[in-house]
Amino acid sequence: MRRCYNIKWVIKMQCENIFCIYNSENKCILECVSLDILGQCTACIYATIDDEILEEAKRKTLESVERDY
């Protein structure tokens, strides 16, 4: 049974998932949040990222990691 935590009247819940479409300025914009057994939001929907942009970001990150380590 899922429990919905109504966050309408409290400070918006912090969200660290920058790829979730409900994340705005590291806060969840939903009024009601359900969490799974691990404490993860069950409503999370990941934004679609174009393959070109994703591959470029991966390449830059890999270069940075290899350079720093």
PDB file of N, CA and C in Angstrom:
ATOM      1  N   MET A   1       0.831  -1.171   0.000  1.00  0.00           N
ATOM      2  CA  MET A   1       0.000   0.000   0.000  1.00  0.00           C
ATOM      3  C   MET A   1       0.883   1.245   0.000  1.00  0.00           C
ATOM      4  N   ARG A   2       0.675   2.119  -0.970  1.00  0.00           N
ATOM      5  CA  ARG A   2       1.447   3.349  -1.049  1.00  0.00           C
ATOM      6  C   ARG A   2       0.831   4.412  -0.169  1.00  0.00           C
ATOM      7  N   ARG A   3       1.681   5.157   0.454  1.00  0.00           N
ATOM      8  CA  ARG A   3       1.229   6.287   1.254  1.00  0.00           C
ATOM      9  C   ARG A   3       1.663   7.553   0.542  1.00  0.00           C
ATOM     10  N   CYS A   4       0.747   8.486   0.411  1.00  0.00           N
ATOM     11  CA  CYS A   4       1.033   9.751  -0.238  1.00  0.00           C
ATOM     12  C   CYS A   4       1.278  10.798   0.831  1.00  0.00           C
ATOM     13  N   TYR A   5       2.434  11.423   0.780  1.00  0.00           N
ATOM     14  CA  TYR A   5       2.766  12.478   1.719  1.00  0.00           C
ATOM     15  C   TYR A   5       2.399  13.812   1.085  1.00  0.00           C
ATOM     16  N   ASN A   6       1.397  14.461   1.621  1.00  0.00           N
ATOM     17  CA  ASN A   6       0.957  15.734   1.081  1.00  0.00           C
ATOM     18  C   ASN A   6       1.917  16.819   1.543  1.00  0.00           C
ATOM     19  N   ILE A   7       2.597  17.418   0.591  1.00  0.00           N
ATOM     20  CA  ILE A   7       3.602  18.429   0.936  1.00  0.00           C
ATOM     21  C   ILE A   7       3.164  19.815   0.505  1.00  0.00           C
ATOM     22  N   LYS A   8       1.883  19.977   0.222  1.00  0.00           N
ATOM     23  CA  LYS A   8       1.367  21.254  -0.257  1.00  0.00           C
ATOM     24  C   LYS A   8       1.584  22.384   0.744  1.00  0.00           C
ATOM     25  N   TRP A   9       1.409  22.114   2.022  1.00  0.00           N
ATOM     26  CA  TRP A   9       1.459  23.161   3.037  1.00  0.00           C
ATOM     27  C   TRP A   9       2.786  23.212   3.784  1.00  0.00           C
ATOM     28  N   VAL A  10       3.746  22.476   3.335  1.00  0.00           N
ATOM     29  CA  VAL A  10       5.067  22.530   3.956  1.00  0.00           C
ATOM     30  C   VAL A  10       6.069  23.020   2.928  1.00  0.00           C
ATOM     31  N   ILE A  11       7.259  23.288   3.393  1.00  0.00           N
ATOM     32  CA  ILE A  11       8.322  23.674   2.469  1.00  0.00           C
ATOM     33  C   ILE A  11       8.521  22.528   1.491  1.00  0.00           C
ATOM     34  N   LYS A  12       8.688  22.839   0.227  1.00  0.00           N
ATOM     35  CA  LYS A  12       8.828  21.803  -0.793  1.00  0.00           C
ATOM     36  C   LYS A  12       9.942  20.814  -0.456  1.00  0.00           C
ATOM     37  N   MET A  13       9.670  19.548  -0.721  1.00  0.00           N
ATOM     38  CA  MET A  13      10.625  18.485  -0.451  1.00  0.00           C
ATOM     39  C   MET A  13      11.849  18.648  -1.344  1.00  0.00           C
ATOM     40  N   GLN A  14      13.018  18.495  -0.745  1.00  0.00           N
ATOM     41  CA  GLN A  14      14.256  18.571  -1.502  1.00  0.00           C
ATOM     42  C   GLN A  14      14.350  17.378  -2.432  1.00  0.00           C
ATOM     43  N   CYS A  15      14.839  17.616  -3.644  1.00  0.00           N
ATOM     44  CA  CYS A  15      15.010  16.551  -4.638  1.00  0.00           C
ATOM     45  C   CYS A  15      16.409  16.665  -5.225  1.00  0.00           C
ATOM     46  N   GLU A  16      17.145  15.576  -5.166  1.00  0.00           N
ATOM     47  CA  GLU A  16      18.509  15.573  -5.690  1.00  0.00           C
ATOM     48  C   GLU A  16      18.603  14.961  -7.081  1.00  0.00           C
ATOM     49  N   ASN A  17      17.479  14.496  -7.620  1.00  0.00           N
ATOM     50  CA  ASN A  17      17.494  13.859  -8.931  1.00  0.00           C
ATOM     51  C   ASN A  17      17.315  14.922 -10.013  1.00  0.00           C
ATOM     52  N   ILE A  18      18.428  15.404 -10.538  1.00  0.00           N
ATOM     53  CA  ILE A  18      18.384  16.486 -11.516  1.00  0.00           C
ATOM     54  C   ILE A  18      17.757  16.065 -12.837  1.00  0.00           C
ATOM     55  N   PHE A  19      17.592  14.774 -13.069  1.00  0.00           N
ATOM     56  CA  PHE A  19      17.007  14.300 -14.315  1.00  0.00           C
ATOM     57  C   PHE A  19      15.493  14.111 -14.225  1.00  0.00           C
ATOM     58  N   CYS A  20      14.919  14.239 -13.039  1.00  0.00           N
ATOM     59  CA  CYS A  20      13.479  14.078 -12.864  1.00  0.00           C
ATOM     60  C   CYS A  20      12.757  15.326 -13.379  1.00  0.00           C
ATOM     61  N   ILE A  21      11.661  15.123 -14.107  1.00  0.00           N
ATOM     62  CA  ILE A  21      10.932  16.264 -14.662  1.00  0.00           C
ATOM     63  C   ILE A  21      10.221  17.074 -13.586  1.00  0.00           C
ATOM     64  N   TYR A  22      10.066  16.531 -12.392  1.00  0.00           N
ATOM     65  CA  TYR A  22       9.410  17.236 -11.294  1.00  0.00           C
ATOM     66  C   TYR A  22      10.390  18.014 -10.410  1.00  0.00           C
ATOM     67  N   ASN A  23      11.661  17.988 -10.751  1.00  0.00           N
ATOM     68  CA  ASN A  23      12.682  18.709  -9.991  1.00  0.00           C
ATOM     69  C   ASN A  23      12.809  20.114 -10.545  1.00  0.00           C
ATOM     70  N   SER A  24      12.619  21.097  -9.681  1.00  0.00           N
ATOM     71  CA  SER A  24      12.805  22.489 -10.058  1.00  0.00           C
ATOM     72  C   SER A  24      13.610  23.166  -8.948  1.00  0.00           C
ATOM     73  N   GLU A  25      14.800  23.605  -9.296  1.00  0.00           N
ATOM     74  CA  GLU A  25      15.702  24.239  -8.335  1.00  0.00           C
ATOM     75  C   GLU A  25      15.927  23.350  -7.114  1.00  0.00           C
ATOM     76  N   ASN A  26      16.131  22.060  -7.367  1.00  0.00           N
ATOM     77  CA  ASN A  26      16.391  21.032  -6.343  1.00  0.00           C
ATOM     78  C   ASN A  26      15.231  20.851  -5.365  1.00  0.00           C
ATOM     79  N   LYS A  27      14.039  21.190  -5.794  1.00  0.00           N
ATOM     80  CA  LYS A  27      12.830  20.973  -5.005  1.00  0.00           C
ATOM     81  C   LYS A  27      11.815  20.229  -5.867  1.00  0.00           C
ATOM     82  N   CYS A  28      11.033  19.363  -5.229  1.00  0.00           N
ATOM     83  CA  CYS A  28       9.988  18.628  -5.928  1.00  0.00           C
ATOM     84  C   CYS A  28       8.774  19.545  -6.100  1.00  0.00           C
ATOM     85  N   ILE A  29       8.244  19.618  -7.319  1.00  0.00           N
ATOM     86  CA  ILE A  29       7.101  20.494  -7.571  1.00  0.00           C
ATOM     87  C   ILE A  29       5.764  19.787  -7.370  1.00  0.00           C
ATOM     88  N   LEU A  30       5.795  18.493  -7.060  1.00  0.00           N
ATOM     89  CA  LEU A  30       4.550  17.766  -6.817  1.00  0.00           C
ATOM     90  C   LEU A  30       3.953  18.168  -5.474  1.00  0.00           C
ATOM     91  N   GLU A  31       2.635  18.124  -5.385  1.00  0.00           N
ATOM     92  CA  GLU A  31       1.965  18.422  -4.119  1.00  0.00           C
ATOM     93  C   GLU A  31       1.843  17.181  -3.241  1.00  0.00           C
ATOM     94  N   CYS A  32       1.964  16.018  -3.850  1.00  0.00           N
ATOM     95  CA  CYS A  32       1.833  14.760  -3.120  1.00  0.00           C
ATOM     96  C   CYS A  32       2.951  13.833  -3.585  1.00  0.00           C
ATOM     97  N   VAL A  33       3.720  13.311  -2.651  1.00  0.00           N
ATOM     98  CA  VAL A  33       4.861  12.468  -2.983  1.00  0.00           C
ATOM     99  C   VAL A  33       4.697  11.101  -2.337  1.00  0.00           C
ATOM    100  N   SER A  34       4.884  10.045  -3.123  1.00  0.00           N
ATOM    101  CA  SER A  34       4.899   8.682  -2.597  1.00  0.00           C
ATOM    102  C   SER A  34       6.315   8.153  -2.685  1.00  0.00           C
ATOM    103  N   LEU A  35       6.769   7.511  -1.622  1.00  0.00           N
ATOM    104  CA  LEU A  35       8.121   6.967  -1.582  1.00  0.00           C
ATOM    105  C   LEU A  35       8.066   5.454  -1.529  1.00  0.00           C
ATOM    106  N   ASP A  36       9.045   4.808  -2.168  1.00  0.00           N
ATOM    107  CA  ASP A  36       9.113   3.353  -2.096  1.00  0.00           C
ATOM    108  C   ASP A  36       9.877   2.939  -0.834  1.00  0.00           C
ATOM    109  N   ILE A  37      10.128   1.650  -0.677  1.00  0.00           N
ATOM    110  CA  ILE A  37      10.772   1.130   0.531  1.00  0.00           C
ATOM    111  C   ILE A  37      12.192   1.674   0.709  1.00  0.00           C
ATOM    112  N   LEU A  38      12.815   2.127  -0.388  1.00  0.00           N
ATOM    113  CA  LEU A  38      14.156   2.698  -0.320  1.00  0.00           C
ATOM    114  C   LEU A  38      14.135   4.211  -0.118  1.00  0.00           C
ATOM    115  N   GLY A  39      12.932   4.781  -0.056  1.00  0.00           N
ATOM    116  CA  GLY A  39      12.801   6.219   0.120  1.00  0.00           C
ATOM    117  C   GLY A  39      12.886   7.004  -1.171  1.00  0.00           C
ATOM    118  N   GLN A  40      12.764   6.292  -2.286  1.00  0.00           N
ATOM    119  CA  GLN A  40      12.821   6.959  -3.582  1.00  0.00           C
ATOM    120  C   GLN A  40      11.412   7.289  -4.057  1.00  0.00           C
ATOM    121  N   CYS A  41      11.274   8.402  -4.731  1.00  0.00           N
ATOM    122  CA  CYS A  41       9.989   8.863  -5.230  1.00  0.00           C
ATOM    123  C   CYS A  41       9.452   7.883  -6.285  1.00  0.00           C
ATOM    124  N   THR A  42       8.194   7.499  -6.136  1.00  0.00           N
ATOM    125  CA  THR A  42       7.590   6.568  -7.094  1.00  0.00           C
ATOM    126  C   THR A  42       7.025   7.284  -8.312  1.00  0.00           C
ATOM    127  N   ALA A  43       6.969   8.611  -8.286  1.00  0.00           N
ATOM    128  CA  ALA A  43       6.411   9.379  -9.400  1.00  0.00           C
ATOM    129  C   ALA A  43       7.488   9.886 -10.358  1.00  0.00           C
ATOM    130  N   CYS A  44       8.743   9.629 -10.048  1.00  0.00           N
ATOM    131  CA  CYS A  44       9.848  10.157 -10.844  1.00  0.00           C
ATOM    132  C   CYS A  44       9.729   9.754 -12.309  1.00  0.00           C
ATOM    133  N   ILE A  45       9.857  10.741 -13.183  1.00  0.00           N
ATOM    134  CA  ILE A  45       9.918  10.512 -14.624  1.00  0.00           C
ATOM    135  C   ILE A  45      11.189  11.194 -15.111  1.00  0.00           C
ATOM    136  N   TYR A  46      12.027  10.438 -15.790  1.00  0.00           N
ATOM    137  CA  TYR A  46      13.291  10.978 -16.266  1.00  0.00           C
ATOM    138  C   TYR A  46      13.099  11.759 -17.562  1.00  0.00           C
ATOM    139  N   ALA A  47      13.750  12.899 -17.635  1.00  0.00           N
ATOM    140  CA  ALA A  47      13.717  13.705 -18.855  1.00  0.00           C
ATOM    141  C   ALA A  47      14.466  12.970 -19.958  1.00  0.00           C
ATOM    142  N   THR A  48      13.971  13.103 -21.169  1.00  0.00           N
ATOM    143  CA  THR A  48      14.633  12.504 -22.317  1.00  0.00           C
ATOM    144  C   THR A  48      15.777  13.414 -22.755  1.00  0.00           C
ATOM    145  N   ILE A  49      16.931  12.818 -22.917  1.00  0.00           N
ATOM    146  CA  ILE A  49      18.118  13.571 -23.337  1.00  0.00           C
ATOM    147  C   ILE A  49      18.550  13.026 -24.693  1.00  0.00           C
ATOM    148  N   ASP A  50      18.727  13.926 -25.646  1.00  0.00           N
ATOM    149  CA  ASP A  50      19.169  13.509 -26.978  1.00  0.00           C
ATOM    150  C   ASP A  50      20.489  12.751 -26.882  1.00  0.00           C
ATOM    151  N   ASP A  51      20.628  11.728 -27.728  1.00  0.00           N
ATOM    152  CA  ASP A  51      21.828  10.899 -27.720  1.00  0.00           C
ATOM    153  C   ASP A  51      23.100  11.709 -27.926  1.00  0.00           C
ATOM    154  N   GLU A  52      23.055  12.713 -28.818  1.00  0.00           N
ATOM    155  CA  GLU A  52      24.241  13.537 -29.075  1.00  0.00           C
ATOM    156  C   GLU A  52      24.675  14.278 -27.815  1.00  0.00           C
ATOM    157  N   ILE A  53      23.726  14.855 -27.116  1.00  0.00           N
ATOM    158  CA  ILE A  53      24.035  15.605 -25.896  1.00  0.00           C
ATOM    159  C   ILE A  53      24.570  14.665 -24.826  1.00  0.00           C
ATOM    160  N   LEU A  54      23.938  13.502 -24.670  1.00  0.00           N
ATOM    161  CA  LEU A  54      24.376  12.525 -23.676  1.00  0.00           C
ATOM    162  C   LEU A  54      25.790  12.038 -23.979  1.00  0.00           C
ATOM    163  N   GLU A  55      26.063  11.693 -25.224  1.00  0.00           N
ATOM    164  CA  GLU A  55      27.395  11.201 -25.585  1.00  0.00           C
ATOM    165  C   GLU A  55      28.460  12.269 -25.370  1.00  0.00           C
ATOM    166  N   GLU A  56      28.137  13.521 -25.683  1.00  0.00           N
ATOM    167  CA  GLU A  56      29.088  14.618 -25.469  1.00  0.00           C
ATOM    168  C   GLU A  56      29.363  14.800 -23.980  1.00  0.00           C
ATOM    169  N   ALA A  57      28.329  14.737 -23.156  1.00  0.00           N
ATOM    170  CA  ALA A  57      28.503  14.878 -21.704  1.00  0.00           C
ATOM    171  C   ALA A  57      29.335  13.721 -21.152  1.00  0.00           C
ATOM    172  N   LYS A  58      29.090  12.514 -21.640  1.00  0.00           N
ATOM    173  CA  LYS A  58      29.862  11.353 -21.187  1.00  0.00           C
ATOM    174  C   LYS A  58      31.327  11.487 -21.584  1.00  0.00           C
ATOM    175  N   ARG A  59      31.560  11.955 -22.810  1.00  0.00           N
ATOM    176  CA  ARG A  59      32.928  12.121 -23.288  1.00  0.00           C
ATOM    177  C   ARG A  59      33.676  13.155 -22.441  1.00  0.00           C
ATOM    178  N   LYS A  60      33.035  14.292 -22.185  1.00  0.00           N
ATOM    179  CA  LYS A  60      33.663  15.337 -21.374  1.00  0.00           C
ATOM    180  C   LYS A  60      33.929  14.858 -19.951  1.00  0.00           C
ATOM    181  N   THR A  61      32.988  14.131 -19.389  1.00  0.00           N
ATOM    182  CA  THR A  61      33.160  13.616 -18.027  1.00  0.00           C
ATOM    183  C   THR A  61      34.297  12.607 -17.970  1.00  0.00           C
ATOM    184  N   LEU A  62      34.360  11.720 -18.946  1.00  0.00           N
ATOM    185  CA  LEU A  62      35.438  10.733 -19.003  1.00  0.00           C
ATOM    186  C   LEU A  62      36.795  11.421 -19.115  1.00  0.00           C
ATOM    187  N   GLU A  63      36.889  12.434 -19.970  1.00  0.00           N
ATOM    188  CA  GLU A  63      38.144  13.179 -20.105  1.00  0.00           C
ATOM    189  C   GLU A  63      38.535  13.827 -18.780  1.00  0.00           C
ATOM    190  N   SER A  64      37.564  14.396 -18.096  1.00  0.00           N
ATOM    191  CA  SER A  64      37.820  15.042 -16.808  1.00  0.00           C
ATOM    192  C   SER A  64      38.299  14.040 -15.778  1.00  0.00           C
ATOM    193  N   VAL A  65      37.642  12.887 -15.724  1.00  0.00           N
ATOM    194  CA  VAL A  65      38.024  11.849 -14.755  1.00  0.00           C
ATOM    195  C   VAL A  65      39.418  11.335 -15.051  1.00  0.00           C
ATOM    196  N   GLU A  66      39.706  11.075 -16.316  1.00  0.00           N
ATOM    197  CA  GLU A  66      41.037  10.576 -16.681  1.00  0.00           C
ATOM    198  C   GLU A  66      42.121  11.608 -16.393  1.00  0.00           C
ATOM    199  N   ARG A  67      41.813  12.876 -16.585  1.00  0.00           N
ATOM    200  CA  ARG A  67      42.779  13.954 -16.350  1.00  0.00           C
ATOM    201  C   ARG A  67      43.044  14.119 -14.847  1.00  0.00           C
ATOM    202  N   ASP A  68      41.991  14.013 -14.034  1.00  0.00           N
ATOM    203  CA  ASP A  68      42.106  14.250 -12.593  1.00  0.00           C
ATOM    204  C   ASP A  68      42.627  13.048 -11.819  1.00  0.00           C
ATOM    205  N   TYR A  69      42.537  11.888 -12.393  1.00  0.00           N
ATOM    206  CA  TYR A  69      42.969  10.687 -11.658  1.00  0.00           C
ATOM    207  C   TYR A  69      44.028  10.014 -12.410  1.00  0.00           C
TER     208      TYR A  69
END
